Amino acid sequence: MIGGICTILAAIWMFNTSINHKTGNAIRWAIIGAVVFFFVQVLVGWLNVGLHIWDKHDVSMLVIRHRSDGAPQGIMGRFWSIYLELSPPIFGLLAVWAVRAKYLLKGKLQIPSSLSKFTKKK
């Protein structure tokens, strides 16, 4: 559910950037953003599953229903559950940001200007 919403938002983000910067082929950039997001989300999901099975030799937390049935024991189990749920969309959005900055805007990978006001030293 979260991934689907983020896929749509990533496509809209790339589409609007393409329109605002007049790069042309806005639909193509929207599709590229959605595909990059989906690919990275699936890749990170598979890596999370592999790491969890390798680490714990237990597949109980890979199903969301099991995570809510009390499978996460203690605070680390809860953090692991949150990580498994939110890391694929977060890494997907970071990949879309990188593609947007490097190829669509033809710039360097740097902190976006919206966040740079918080990182400036006074």
PDB file of N, CA and C in Angstrom:
ATOM      1  N   MET A   1       0.828  -1.186   0.000  1.00  0.00           N
ATOM      2  CA  MET A   1       0.000   0.000   0.000  1.00  0.00           C
ATOM      3  C   MET A   1       0.881   1.263   0.000  1.00  0.00           C
ATOM      4  N   ILE A   2       1.855   1.270   0.885  1.00  0.00           N
ATOM      5  CA  ILE A   2       2.743   2.427   0.956  1.00  0.00           C
ATOM      6  C   ILE A   2       3.542   2.551  -0.334  1.00  0.00           C
ATOM      7  N   GLY A   3       4.001   1.419  -0.855  1.00  0.00           N
ATOM      8  CA  GLY A   3       4.789   1.429  -2.090  1.00  0.00           C
ATOM      9  C   GLY A   3       4.006   1.935  -3.288  1.00  0.00           C
ATOM     10  N   GLY A   4       2.736   1.575  -3.371  1.00  0.00           N
ATOM     11  CA  GLY A   4       1.901   2.042  -4.484  1.00  0.00           C
ATOM     12  C   GLY A   4       1.696   3.540  -4.458  1.00  0.00           C
ATOM     13  N   ILE A   5       1.434   4.055  -3.276  1.00  0.00           N
ATOM     14  CA  ILE A   5       1.249   5.500  -3.137  1.00  0.00           C
ATOM     15  C   ILE A   5       2.549   6.233  -3.460  1.00  0.00           C
ATOM     16  N   CYS A   6       3.662   5.702  -2.968  1.00  0.00           N
ATOM     17  CA  CYS A   6       4.957   6.335  -3.246  1.00  0.00           C
ATOM     18  C   CYS A   6       5.327   6.240  -4.721  1.00  0.00           C
ATOM     19  N   THR A   7       4.924   5.159  -5.408  1.00  0.00           N
ATOM     20  CA  THR A   7       5.184   5.040  -6.842  1.00  0.00           C
ATOM     21  C   THR A   7       4.468   6.141  -7.610  1.00  0.00           C
ATOM     22  N   ILE A   8       3.212   6.365  -7.257  1.00  0.00           N
ATOM     23  CA  ILE A   8       2.441   7.426  -7.906  1.00  0.00           C
ATOM     24  C   ILE A   8       3.061   8.789  -7.615  1.00  0.00           C
ATOM     25  N   LEU A   9       3.460   9.018  -6.362  1.00  0.00           N
ATOM     26  CA  LEU A   9       4.083  10.297  -5.999  1.00  0.00           C
ATOM     27  C   LEU A   9       5.415  10.492  -6.715  1.00  0.00           C
ATOM     28  N   ALA A  10       6.193   9.424  -6.868  1.00  0.00           N
ATOM     29  CA  ALA A  10       7.475   9.532  -7.584  1.00  0.00           C
ATOM     30  C   ALA A  10       7.242   9.882  -9.047  1.00  0.00           C
ATOM     31  N   ALA A  11       6.227   9.265  -9.663  1.00  0.00           N
ATOM     32  CA  ALA A  11       5.927   9.573 -11.064  1.00  0.00           C
ATOM     33  C   ALA A  11       5.462  11.021 -11.220  1.00  0.00           C
ATOM     34  N   ILE A  12       4.622  11.479 -10.299  1.00  0.00           N
ATOM     35  CA  ILE A  12       4.152  12.874 -10.341  1.00  0.00           C
ATOM     36  C   ILE A  12       5.319  13.837 -10.131  1.00  0.00           C
ATOM     37  N   TRP A  13       6.214  13.494  -9.212  1.00  0.00           N
ATOM     38  CA  TRP A  13       7.382  14.333  -8.924  1.00  0.00           C
ATOM     39  C   TRP A  13       8.248  14.484 -10.176  1.00  0.00           C
ATOM     40  N   MET A  14       8.528  13.370 -10.859  1.00  0.00           N
ATOM     41  CA  MET A  14       9.332  13.429 -12.081  1.00  0.00           C
ATOM     42  C   MET A  14       8.589  14.174 -13.195  1.00  0.00           C
ATOM     43  N   PHE A  15       7.288  13.956 -13.306  1.00  0.00           N
ATOM     44  CA  PHE A  15       6.489  14.629 -14.333  1.00  0.00           C
ATOM     45  C   PHE A  15       6.515  16.139 -14.119  1.00  0.00           C
ATOM     46  N   ASN A  16       6.265  16.587 -12.890  1.00  0.00           N
ATOM     47  CA  ASN A  16       6.262  18.028 -12.593  1.00  0.00           C
ATOM     48  C   ASN A  16       7.632  18.656 -12.796  1.00  0.00           C
ATOM     49  N   THR A  17       8.676  17.953 -12.418  1.00  0.00           N
ATOM     50  CA  THR A  17      10.025  18.482 -12.624  1.00  0.00           C
ATOM     51  C   THR A  17      10.314  18.631 -14.116  1.00  0.00           C
ATOM     52  N   SER A  18       9.897  17.645 -14.887  1.00  0.00           N
ATOM     53  CA  SER A  18      10.116  17.715 -16.336  1.00  0.00           C
ATOM     54  C   SER A  18       9.343  18.874 -16.962  1.00  0.00           C
ATOM     55  N   ILE A  19       8.125  19.098 -16.515  1.00  0.00           N
ATOM     56  CA  ILE A  19       7.318  20.204 -17.026  1.00  0.00           C
ATOM     57  C   ILE A  19       7.929  21.543 -16.610  1.00  0.00           C
ATOM     58  N   ASN A  20       8.306  21.674 -15.334  1.00  0.00           N
ATOM     59  CA  ASN A  20       8.836  22.944 -14.823  1.00  0.00           C
ATOM     60  C   ASN A  20      10.175  23.322 -15.457  1.00  0.00           C
ATOM     61  N   HIS A  21      11.007  22.329 -15.766  1.00  0.00           N
ATOM     62  CA  HIS A  21      12.322  22.619 -16.337  1.00  0.00           C
ATOM     63  C   HIS A  21      12.346  22.462 -17.851  1.00  0.00           C
ATOM     64  N   LYS A  22      11.172  22.219 -18.434  1.00  0.00           N
ATOM     65  CA  LYS A  22      11.019  22.151 -19.891  1.00  0.00           C
ATOM     66  C   LYS A  22      12.033  21.218 -20.545  1.00  0.00           C
ATOM     67  N   THR A  23      12.144  20.007 -20.011  1.00  0.00           N
ATOM     68  CA  THR A  23      13.075  19.040 -20.580  1.00  0.00           C
ATOM     69  C   THR A  23      12.452  18.225 -21.695  1.00  0.00           C
ATOM     70  N   GLY A  24      11.128  18.265 -21.810  1.00  0.00           N
ATOM     71  CA  GLY A  24      10.450  17.497 -22.841  1.00  0.00           C
ATOM     72  C   GLY A  24      10.197  16.065 -22.404  1.00  0.00           C
ATOM     73  N   ASN A  25       9.254  15.434 -23.075  1.00  0.00           N
ATOM     74  CA  ASN A  25       8.911  14.038 -22.778  1.00  0.00           C
ATOM     75  C   ASN A  25       8.592  13.826 -21.301  1.00  0.00           C
ATOM     76  N   ALA A  26       7.658  14.578 -20.780  1.00  0.00           N
ATOM     77  CA  ALA A  26       7.302  14.481 -19.365  1.00  0.00           C
ATOM     78  C   ALA A  26       6.743  13.110 -19.022  1.00  0.00           C
ATOM     79  N   ILE A  27       5.991  12.516 -19.929  1.00  0.00           N
ATOM     80  CA  ILE A  27       5.434  11.183 -19.684  1.00  0.00           C
ATOM     81  C   ILE A  27       6.555  10.159 -19.566  1.00  0.00           C
ATOM     82  N   ARG A  28       7.562  10.282 -20.411  1.00  0.00           N
ATOM     83  CA  ARG A  28       8.696   9.360 -20.341  1.00  0.00           C
ATOM     84  C   ARG A  28       9.398   9.459 -18.993  1.00  0.00           C
ATOM     85  N   TRP A  29       9.601  10.679 -18.497  1.00  0.00           N
ATOM     86  CA  TRP A  29      10.265  10.856 -17.215  1.00  0.00           C
ATOM     87  C   TRP A  29       9.404  10.331 -16.067  1.00  0.00           C
ATOM     88  N   ALA A  30       8.087  10.467 -16.170  1.00  0.00           N
ATOM     89  CA  ALA A  30       7.199   9.922 -15.146  1.00  0.00           C
ATOM     90  C   ALA A  30       7.298   8.399 -15.109  1.00  0.00           C
ATOM     91  N   ILE A  31       7.345   7.785 -16.284  1.00  0.00           N
ATOM     92  CA  ILE A  31       7.469   6.322 -16.349  1.00  0.00           C
ATOM     93  C   ILE A  31       8.829   5.878 -15.817  1.00  0.00           C
ATOM     94  N   ILE A  32       9.882   6.614 -16.151  1.00  0.00           N
ATOM     95  CA  ILE A  32      11.221   6.284 -15.638  1.00  0.00           C
ATOM     96  C   ILE A  32      11.230   6.371 -14.121  1.00  0.00           C
ATOM     97  N   GLY A  33      10.616   7.405 -13.558  1.00  0.00           N
ATOM     98  CA  GLY A  33      10.561   7.536 -12.104  1.00  0.00           C
ATOM     99  C   GLY A  33       9.818   6.391 -11.449  1.00  0.00           C
ATOM    100  N   ALA A  34       8.696   5.984 -12.033  1.00  0.00           N
ATOM    101  CA  ALA A  34       7.922   4.879 -11.469  1.00  0.00           C
ATOM    102  C   ALA A  34       8.682   3.563 -11.571  1.00  0.00           C
ATOM    103  N   VAL A  35       9.349   3.332 -12.707  1.00  0.00           N
ATOM    104  CA  VAL A  35      10.095   2.085 -12.890  1.00  0.00           C
ATOM    105  C   VAL A  35      11.303   2.025 -11.954  1.00  0.00           C
ATOM    106  N   VAL A  36      12.030   3.126 -11.826  1.00  0.00           N
ATOM    107  CA  VAL A  36      13.184   3.155 -10.913  1.00  0.00           C
ATOM    108  C   VAL A  36      12.723   2.902  -9.481  1.00  0.00           C
ATOM    109  N   PHE A  37      11.655   3.561  -9.074  1.00  0.00           N
ATOM    110  CA  PHE A  37      11.144   3.370  -7.715  1.00  0.00           C
ATOM    111  C   PHE A  37      10.748   1.912  -7.499  1.00  0.00           C
ATOM    112  N   PHE A  38       9.991   1.346  -8.422  1.00  0.00           N
ATOM    113  CA  PHE A  38       9.522  -0.023  -8.267  1.00  0.00           C
ATOM    114  C   PHE A  38      10.682  -1.010  -8.239  1.00  0.00           C
ATOM    115  N   PHE A  39      11.659  -0.831  -9.151  1.00  0.00           N
ATOM    116  CA  PHE A  39      12.807  -1.724  -9.200  1.00  0.00           C
ATOM    117  C   PHE A  39      13.595  -1.695  -7.890  1.00  0.00           C
ATOM    118  N   VAL A  40      13.879  -0.508  -7.384  1.00  0.00           N
ATOM    119  CA  VAL A  40      14.656  -0.392  -6.147  1.00  0.00           C
ATOM    120  C   VAL A  40      13.849  -0.929  -4.964  1.00  0.00           C
ATOM    121  N   GLN A  41      12.555  -0.688  -4.953  1.00  0.00           N
ATOM    122  CA  GLN A  41      11.722  -1.191  -3.870  1.00  0.00           C
ATOM    123  C   GLN A  41      11.731  -2.723  -3.844  1.00  0.00           C
ATOM    124  N   VAL A  42      11.599  -3.353  -4.993  1.00  0.00           N
ATOM    125  CA  VAL A  42      11.630  -4.817  -5.055  1.00  0.00           C
ATOM    126  C   VAL A  42      13.008  -5.337  -4.668  1.00  0.00           C
ATOM    127  N   LEU A  43      14.058  -4.696  -5.155  1.00  0.00           N
ATOM    128  CA  LEU A  43      15.423  -5.119  -4.838  1.00  0.00           C
ATOM    129  C   LEU A  43      15.690  -5.036  -3.338  1.00  0.00           C
ATOM    130  N   VAL A  44      15.331  -3.923  -2.721  1.00  0.00           N
ATOM    131  CA  VAL A  44      15.552  -3.765  -1.278  1.00  0.00           C
ATOM    132  C   VAL A  44      14.676  -4.752  -0.495  1.00  0.00           C
ATOM    133  N   GLY A  45      13.477  -4.993  -0.954  1.00  0.00           N
ATOM    134  CA  GLY A  45      12.625  -5.980  -0.294  1.00  0.00           C
ATOM    135  C   GLY A  45      13.243  -7.363  -0.320  1.00  0.00           C
ATOM    136  N   TRP A  46      13.774  -7.766  -1.490  1.00  0.00           N
ATOM    137  CA  TRP A  46      14.440  -9.066  -1.577  1.00  0.00           C
ATOM    138  C   TRP A  46      15.673  -9.119  -0.692  1.00  0.00           C
ATOM    139  N   LEU A  47      16.442  -8.031  -0.654  1.00  0.00           N
ATOM    140  CA  LEU A  47      17.622  -8.005   0.218  1.00  0.00           C
ATOM    141  C   LEU A  47      17.219  -8.105   1.687  1.00  0.00           C
ATOM    142  N   ASN A  48      16.150  -7.428   2.067  1.00  0.00           N
ATOM    143  CA  ASN A  48      15.678  -7.513   3.448  1.00  0.00           C
ATOM    144  C   ASN A  48      15.266  -8.935   3.806  1.00  0.00           C
ATOM    145  N   VAL A  49      14.562  -9.592   2.902  1.00  0.00           N
ATOM    146  CA  VAL A  49      14.140 -10.974   3.146  1.00  0.00           C
ATOM    147  C   VAL A  49      15.362 -11.870   3.281  1.00  0.00           C
ATOM    148  N   GLY A  50      16.317 -11.711   2.366  1.00  0.00           N
ATOM    149  CA  GLY A  50      17.527 -12.518   2.428  1.00  0.00           C
ATOM    150  C   GLY A  50      18.325 -12.285   3.696  1.00  0.00           C
ATOM    151  N   LEU A  51      18.466 -11.039   4.090  1.00  0.00           N
ATOM    152  CA  LEU A  51      19.198 -10.729   5.318  1.00  0.00           C
ATOM    153  C   LEU A  51      18.485 -11.280   6.543  1.00  0.00           C
ATOM    154  N   HIS A  52      17.171 -11.189   6.556  1.00  0.00           N
ATOM    155  CA  HIS A  52      16.431 -11.668   7.720  1.00  0.00           C
ATOM    156  C   HIS A  52      16.513 -13.189   7.832  1.00  0.00           C
ATOM    157  N   ILE A  53      16.369 -13.889   6.718  1.00  0.00           N
ATOM    158  CA  ILE A  53      16.455 -15.349   6.761  1.00  0.00           C
ATOM    159  C   ILE A  53      17.874 -15.774   7.121  1.00  0.00           C
ATOM    160  N   TRP A  54      18.881 -15.071   6.583  1.00  0.00           N
ATOM    161  CA  TRP A  54      20.266 -15.407   6.884  1.00  0.00           C
ATOM    162  C   TRP A  54      20.592 -15.144   8.346  1.00  0.00           C
ATOM    163  N   ASP A  55      20.061 -14.052   8.894  1.00  0.00           N
ATOM    164  CA  ASP A  55      20.377 -13.657  10.267  1.00  0.00           C
ATOM    165  C   ASP A  55      19.629 -14.497  11.291  1.00  0.00           C
ATOM    166  N   LYS A  56      18.346 -14.686  11.102  1.00  0.00           N
ATOM    167  CA  LYS A  56      17.525 -15.319  12.127  1.00  0.00           C
ATOM    168  C   LYS A  56      17.103 -16.748  11.792  1.00  0.00           C
ATOM    169  N   HIS A  57      17.249 -17.157  10.558  1.00  0.00           N
ATOM    170  CA  HIS A  57      16.757 -18.454  10.094  1.00  0.00           C
ATOM    171  C   HIS A  57      15.290 -18.630  10.452  1.00  0.00           C
ATOM    172  N   ASP A  58      14.551 -17.541  10.343  1.00  0.00           N
ATOM    173  CA  ASP A  58      13.139 -17.536  10.716  1.00  0.00           C
ATOM    174  C   ASP A  58      12.402 -16.648   9.723  1.00  0.00           C
ATOM    175  N   VAL A  59      11.325 -17.168   9.174  1.00  0.00           N
ATOM    176  CA  VAL A  59      10.566 -16.396   8.195  1.00  0.00           C
ATOM    177  C   VAL A  59       9.285 -15.830   8.793  1.00  0.00           C
ATOM    178  N   SER A  60       9.138 -15.878  10.102  1.00  0.00           N
ATOM    179  CA  SER A  60       7.872 -15.464  10.708  1.00  0.00           C
ATOM    180  C   SER A  60       7.597 -13.971  10.546  1.00  0.00           C
ATOM    181  N   MET A  61       8.636 -13.137  10.555  1.00  0.00           N
ATOM    182  CA  MET A  61       8.401 -11.698  10.465  1.00  0.00           C
ATOM    183  C   MET A  61       8.293 -11.196   9.041  1.00  0.00           C
ATOM    184  N   LEU A  62       8.434 -12.056   8.056  1.00  0.00           N
ATOM    185  CA  LEU A  62       8.349 -11.620   6.677  1.00  0.00           C
ATOM    186  C   LEU A  62       6.910 -11.404   6.237  1.00  0.00           C
ATOM    187  N   VAL A  63       5.976 -11.970   6.959  1.00  0.00           N
ATOM    188  CA  VAL A  63       4.563 -11.774   6.676  1.00  0.00           C
ATOM    189  C   VAL A  63       4.041 -10.719   7.632  1.00  0.00           C
ATOM    190  N   ILE A  64       3.383  -9.696   7.098  1.00  0.00           N
ATOM    191  CA  ILE A  64       2.935  -8.578   7.921  1.00  0.00           C
ATOM    192  C   ILE A  64       2.019  -9.057   9.039  1.00  0.00           C
ATOM    193  N   ARG A  65       1.180 -10.051   8.748  1.00  0.00           N
ATOM    194  CA  ARG A  65       0.256 -10.567   9.758  1.00  0.00           C
ATOM    195  C   ARG A  65       1.028 -11.103  10.960  1.00  0.00           C
ATOM    196  N   HIS A  66       2.142 -11.769  10.713  1.00  0.00           N
ATOM    197  CA  HIS A  66       2.924 -12.321  11.819  1.00  0.00           C
ATOM    198  C   HIS A  66       3.595 -11.220  12.630  1.00  0.00           C
ATOM    199  N   ARG A  67       3.962 -10.135  11.955  1.00  0.00           N
ATOM    200  CA  ARG A  67       4.583  -9.031  12.684  1.00  0.00           C
ATOM    201  C   ARG A  67       3.597  -8.400  13.649  1.00  0.00           C
ATOM    202  N   SER A  68       2.328  -8.386  13.284  1.00  0.00           N
ATOM    203  CA  SER A  68       1.334  -7.772  14.163  1.00  0.00           C
ATOM    204  C   SER A  68       0.812  -8.732  15.221  1.00  0.00           C
ATOM    205  N   ASP A  69       1.104 -10.035  15.068  1.00  0.00           N
ATOM    206  CA  ASP A  69       0.638 -11.019  16.046  1.00  0.00           C
ATOM    207  C   ASP A  69       1.570 -11.141  17.237  1.00  0.00           C
ATOM    208  N   GLY A  70       2.535 -10.294  17.346  1.00  0.00           N
ATOM    209  CA  GLY A  70       3.431 -10.338  18.489  1.00  0.00           C
ATOM    210  C   GLY A  70       4.762 -10.986  18.183  1.00  0.00           C
ATOM    211  N   ALA A  71       5.079 -11.243  16.927  1.00  0.00           N
ATOM    212  CA  ALA A  71       6.361 -11.849  16.582  1.00  0.00           C
ATOM    213  C   ALA A  71       7.538 -10.975  17.005  1.00  0.00           C
ATOM    214  N   PRO A  72       7.441  -9.634  16.843  1.00  0.00           N
ATOM    215  CA  PRO A  72       8.582  -8.837  17.301  1.00  0.00           C
ATOM    216  C   PRO A  72       8.620  -8.798  18.817  1.00  0.00           C
ATOM    217  N   GLN A  73       9.645  -9.374  19.375  1.00  0.00           N
ATOM    218  CA  GLN A  73       9.798  -9.393  20.816  1.00  0.00           C
ATOM    219  C   GLN A  73      10.754  -8.288  21.238  1.00  0.00           C
ATOM    220  N   GLY A  74      10.300  -7.406  22.078  1.00  0.00           N
ATOM    221  CA  GLY A  74      11.147  -6.338  22.566  1.00  0.00           C
ATOM    222  C   GLY A  74      11.262  -5.193  21.582  1.00  0.00           C
ATOM    223  N   ILE A  75      12.091  -4.238  21.960  1.00  0.00           N
ATOM    224  CA  ILE A  75      12.219  -3.015  21.176  1.00  0.00           C
ATOM    225  C   ILE A  75      12.937  -3.266  19.849  1.00  0.00           C
ATOM    226  N   MET A  76      13.931  -4.159  19.830  1.00  0.00           N
ATOM    227  CA  MET A  76      14.653  -4.422  18.589  1.00  0.00           C
ATOM    228  C   MET A  76      13.761  -5.122  17.568  1.00  0.00           C
ATOM    229  N   GLY A  77      12.871  -5.976  18.032  1.00  0.00           N
ATOM    230  CA  GLY A  77      11.924  -6.611  17.127  1.00  0.00           C
ATOM    231  C   GLY A  77      10.985  -5.606  16.502  1.00  0.00           C
ATOM    232  N   ARG A  78      10.589  -4.621  17.273  1.00  0.00           N
ATOM    233  CA  ARG A  78       9.712  -3.592  16.736  1.00  0.00           C
ATOM    234  C   ARG A  78      10.462  -2.709  15.733  1.00  0.00           C
ATOM    235  N   PHE A  79      11.712  -2.359  16.037  1.00  0.00           N
ATOM    236  CA  PHE A  79      12.499  -1.577  15.078  1.00  0.00           C
ATOM    237  C   PHE A  79      12.727  -2.368  13.791  1.00  0.00           C
ATOM    238  N   TRP A  80      12.993  -3.669  13.919  1.00  0.00           N
ATOM    239  CA  TRP A  80      13.207  -4.500  12.742  1.00  0.00           C
ATOM    240  C   TRP A  80      11.944  -4.547  11.889  1.00  0.00           C
ATOM    241  N   SER A  81      10.803  -4.659  12.527  1.00  0.00           N
ATOM    242  CA  SER A  81       9.533  -4.685  11.814  1.00  0.00           C
ATOM    243  C   SER A  81       9.293  -3.375  11.061  1.00  0.00           C
ATOM    244  N   ILE A  82       9.573  -2.252  11.704  1.00  0.00           N
ATOM    245  CA  ILE A  82       9.414  -0.947  11.063  1.00  0.00           C
ATOM    246  C   ILE A  82      10.400  -0.803   9.909  1.00  0.00           C
ATOM    247  N   TYR A  83      11.623  -1.271  10.112  1.00  0.00           N
ATOM    248  CA  TYR A  83      12.622  -1.221   9.042  1.00  0.00           C
ATOM    249  C   TYR A  83      12.177  -2.037   7.834  1.00  0.00           C
ATOM    250  N   LEU A  84      11.689  -3.256   8.070  1.00  0.00           N
ATOM    251  CA  LEU A  84      11.242  -4.107   6.968  1.00  0.00           C
ATOM    252  C   LEU A  84      10.101  -3.466   6.192  1.00  0.00           C
ATOM    253  N   GLU A  85       9.265  -2.717   6.880  1.00  0.00           N
ATOM    254  CA  GLU A  85       8.108  -2.107   6.228  1.00  0.00           C
ATOM    255  C   GLU A  85       8.461  -0.830   5.467  1.00  0.00           C
ATOM    256  N   LEU A  86       9.338  -0.001   6.026  1.00  0.00           N
ATOM    257  CA  LEU A  86       9.570   1.331   5.471  1.00  0.00           C
ATOM    258  C   LEU A  86      10.839   1.483   4.643  1.00  0.00           C
ATOM    259  N   SER A  87      11.795   0.569   4.762  1.00  0.00           N
ATOM    260  CA  SER A  87      13.038   0.743   4.020  1.00  0.00           C
ATOM    261  C   SER A  87      12.871   0.648   2.507  1.00  0.00           C
ATOM    262  N   PRO A  88      12.064  -0.265   1.949  1.00  0.00           N
ATOM    263  CA  PRO A  88      11.940  -0.267   0.480  1.00  0.00           C
ATOM    264  C   PRO A  88      11.408   1.042  -0.103  1.00  0.00           C
ATOM    265  N   PRO A  89      10.328   1.641   0.445  1.00  0.00           N
ATOM    266  CA  PRO A  89       9.896   2.921  -0.120  1.00  0.00           C
ATOM    267  C   PRO A  89      10.910   4.050   0.069  1.00  0.00           C
ATOM    268  N   ILE A  90      11.589   4.064   1.194  1.00  0.00           N
ATOM    269  CA  ILE A  90      12.572   5.124   1.445  1.00  0.00           C
ATOM    270  C   ILE A  90      13.732   5.020   0.451  1.00  0.00           C
ATOM    271  N   PHE A  91      14.280   3.820   0.271  1.00  0.00           N
ATOM    272  CA  PHE A  91      15.372   3.648  -0.683  1.00  0.00           C
ATOM    273  C   PHE A  91      14.903   3.888  -2.113  1.00  0.00           C
ATOM    274  N   GLY A  92      13.657   3.535  -2.405  1.00  0.00           N
ATOM    275  CA  GLY A  92      13.105   3.808  -3.730  1.00  0.00           C
ATOM    276  C   GLY A  92      13.027   5.296  -4.011  1.00  0.00           C
ATOM    277  N   LEU A  93      12.550   6.064  -3.036  1.00  0.00           N
ATOM    278  CA  LEU A  93      12.476   7.520  -3.222  1.00  0.00           C
ATOM    279  C   LEU A  93      13.858   8.148  -3.331  1.00  0.00           C
ATOM    280  N   LEU A  94      14.833   7.616  -2.583  1.00  0.00           N
ATOM    281  CA  LEU A  94      16.204   8.116  -2.713  1.00  0.00           C
ATOM    282  C   LEU A  94      16.759   7.837  -4.110  1.00  0.00           C
ATOM    283  N   ALA A  95      16.431   6.680  -4.678  1.00  0.00           N
ATOM    284  CA  ALA A  95      16.890   6.362  -6.035  1.00  0.00           C
ATOM    285  C   ALA A  95      16.233   7.286  -7.055  1.00  0.00           C
ATOM    286  N   VAL A  96      14.951   7.577  -6.887  1.00  0.00           N
ATOM    287  CA  VAL A  96      14.270   8.497  -7.794  1.00  0.00           C
ATOM    288  C   VAL A  96      14.870   9.893  -7.670  1.00  0.00           C
ATOM    289  N   TRP A  97      15.191  10.299  -6.440  1.00  0.00           N
ATOM    290  CA  TRP A  97      15.830  11.599  -6.243  1.00  0.00           C
ATOM    291  C   TRP A  97      17.169  11.650  -6.979  1.00  0.00           C
ATOM    292  N   ALA A  98      17.950  10.547  -6.910  1.00  0.00           N
ATOM    293  CA  ALA A  98      19.254  10.523  -7.566  1.00  0.00           C
ATOM    294  C   ALA A  98      19.107  10.589  -9.086  1.00  0.00           C
ATOM    295  N   VAL A  99      18.152   9.848  -9.640  1.00  0.00           N
ATOM    296  CA  VAL A  99      17.930   9.886 -11.092  1.00  0.00           C
ATOM    297  C   VAL A  99      17.458  11.271 -11.508  1.00  0.00           C
ATOM    298  N   ARG A 100      16.580  11.858 -10.718  1.00  0.00           N
ATOM    299  CA  ARG A 100      16.066  13.196 -11.013  1.00  0.00           C
ATOM    300  C   ARG A 100      17.192  14.227 -11.013  1.00  0.00           C
ATOM    301  N   ALA A 101      18.048  14.167  -9.983  1.00  0.00           N
ATOM    302  CA  ALA A 101      19.127  15.152  -9.863  1.00  0.00           C
ATOM    303  C   ALA A 101      20.193  14.964 -10.939  1.00  0.00           C
ATOM    304  N   LYS A 102      20.544  13.721 -11.222  1.00  0.00           N
ATOM    305  CA  LYS A 102      21.659  13.462 -12.136  1.00  0.00           C
ATOM    306  C   LYS A 102      21.260  13.558 -13.607  1.00  0.00           C
ATOM    307  N   TYR A 103      20.123  12.978 -13.973  1.00  0.00           N
ATOM    308  CA  TYR A 103      19.783  12.879 -15.394  1.00  0.00           C
ATOM    309  C   TYR A 103      18.723  13.877 -15.841  1.00  0.00           C
ATOM    310  N   LEU A 104      17.709  14.097 -15.030  1.00  0.00           N
ATOM    311  CA  LEU A 104      16.647  15.014 -15.443  1.00  0.00           C
ATOM    312  C   LEU A 104      17.100  16.468 -15.311  1.00  0.00           C
ATOM    313  N   LEU A 105      17.707  16.796 -14.175  1.00  0.00           N
ATOM    314  CA  LEU A 105      18.175  18.168 -13.959  1.00  0.00           C
ATOM    315  C   LEU A 105      19.604  18.381 -14.426  1.00  0.00           C
ATOM    316  N   LYS A 106      20.284  17.300 -14.767  1.00  0.00           N
ATOM    317  CA  LYS A 106      21.672  17.344 -15.245  1.00  0.00           C
ATOM    318  C   LYS A 106      22.580  18.105 -14.279  1.00  0.00           C
ATOM    319  N   GLY A 107      22.459  17.750 -13.024  1.00  0.00           N
ATOM    320  CA  GLY A 107      23.267  18.393 -12.000  1.00  0.00           C
ATOM    321  C   GLY A 107      24.068  17.374 -11.207  1.00  0.00           C
ATOM    322  N   LYS A 108      24.560  17.828 -10.064  1.00  0.00           N
ATOM    323  CA  LYS A 108      25.318  16.957  -9.179  1.00  0.00           C
ATOM    324  C   LYS A 108      24.383  16.388  -8.122  1.00  0.00           C
ATOM    325  N   LEU A 109      24.797  15.276  -7.553  1.00  0.00           N
ATOM    326  CA  LEU A 109      24.057  14.708  -6.432  1.00  0.00           C
ATOM    327  C   LEU A 109      24.466  15.465  -5.176  1.00  0.00           C
ATOM    328  N   GLN A 110      23.586  16.312  -4.703  1.00  0.00           N
ATOM    329  CA  GLN A 110      23.859  17.096  -3.507  1.00  0.00           C
ATOM    330  C   GLN A 110      22.566  17.265  -2.727  1.00  0.00           C
ATOM    331  N   ILE A 111      22.693  17.787  -1.542  1.00  0.00           N
ATOM    332  CA  ILE A 111      21.515  17.992  -0.706  1.00  0.00           C
ATOM    333  C   ILE A 111      20.587  18.974  -1.416  1.00  0.00           C
ATOM    334  N   PRO A 112      19.309  18.627  -1.508  1.00  0.00           N
ATOM    335  CA  PRO A 112      18.379  19.543  -2.185  1.00  0.00           C
ATOM    336  C   PRO A 112      18.353  20.914  -1.518  1.00  0.00           C
ATOM    337  N   SER A 113      18.050  21.918  -2.323  1.00  0.00           N
ATOM    338  CA  SER A 113      18.057  23.286  -1.805  1.00  0.00           C
ATOM    339  C   SER A 113      17.012  23.477  -0.716  1.00  0.00           C
ATOM    340  N   SER A 114      15.963  22.654  -0.725  1.00  0.00           N
ATOM    341  CA  SER A 114      14.960  22.772   0.323  1.00  0.00           C
ATOM    342  C   SER A 114      15.492  22.347   1.671  1.00  0.00           C
ATOM    343  N   LEU A 115      16.511  21.488   1.688  1.00  0.00           N
ATOM    344  CA  LEU A 115      17.100  21.060   2.947  1.00  0.00           C
ATOM    345  C   LEU A 115      18.387  21.822   3.283  1.00  0.00           C
ATOM    346  N   SER A 116      18.935  22.525   2.313  1.00  0.00           N
ATOM    347  CA  SER A 116      20.238  23.178   2.557  1.00  0.00           C
ATOM    348  C   SER A 116      20.140  24.313   3.558  1.00  0.00           C
ATOM    349  N   LYS A 117      18.963  24.913   3.727  1.00  0.00           N
ATOM    350  CA  LYS A 117      18.849  25.997   4.702  1.00  0.00           C
ATOM    351  C   LYS A 117      19.026  25.483   6.136  1.00  0.00           C
ATOM    352  N   PHE A 118      18.786  24.177   6.339  1.00  0.00           N
ATOM    353  CA  PHE A 118      18.965  23.614   7.677  1.00  0.00           C
ATOM    354  C   PHE A 118      20.405  23.191   7.915  1.00  0.00           C
ATOM    355  N   THR A 119      21.185  23.032   6.852  1.00  0.00           N
ATOM    356  CA  THR A 119      22.558  22.558   7.001  1.00  0.00           C
ATOM    357  C   THR A 119      23.585  23.678   6.933  1.00  0.00           C
ATOM    358  N   LYS A 120      23.182  24.893   6.621  1.00  0.00           N
ATOM    359  CA  LYS A 120      24.118  26.013   6.541  1.00  0.00           C
ATOM    360  C   LYS A 120      24.590  26.391   7.940  1.00  0.00           C
ATOM    361  N   LYS A 121      25.893  26.629   8.048  1.00  0.00           N
ATOM    362  CA  LYS A 121      26.460  27.068   9.316  1.00  0.00           C
ATOM    363  C   LYS A 121      26.309  28.581   9.431  1.00  0.00           C
ATOM    364  N   LYS A 122      25.956  28.990  10.602  1.00  0.00           N
ATOM    365  CA  LYS A 122      25.763  30.433  10.835  1.00  0.00           C
ATOM    366  C   LYS A 122      26.982  31.059  11.426  1.00  0.00           C
TER     367      LYS A 122
END
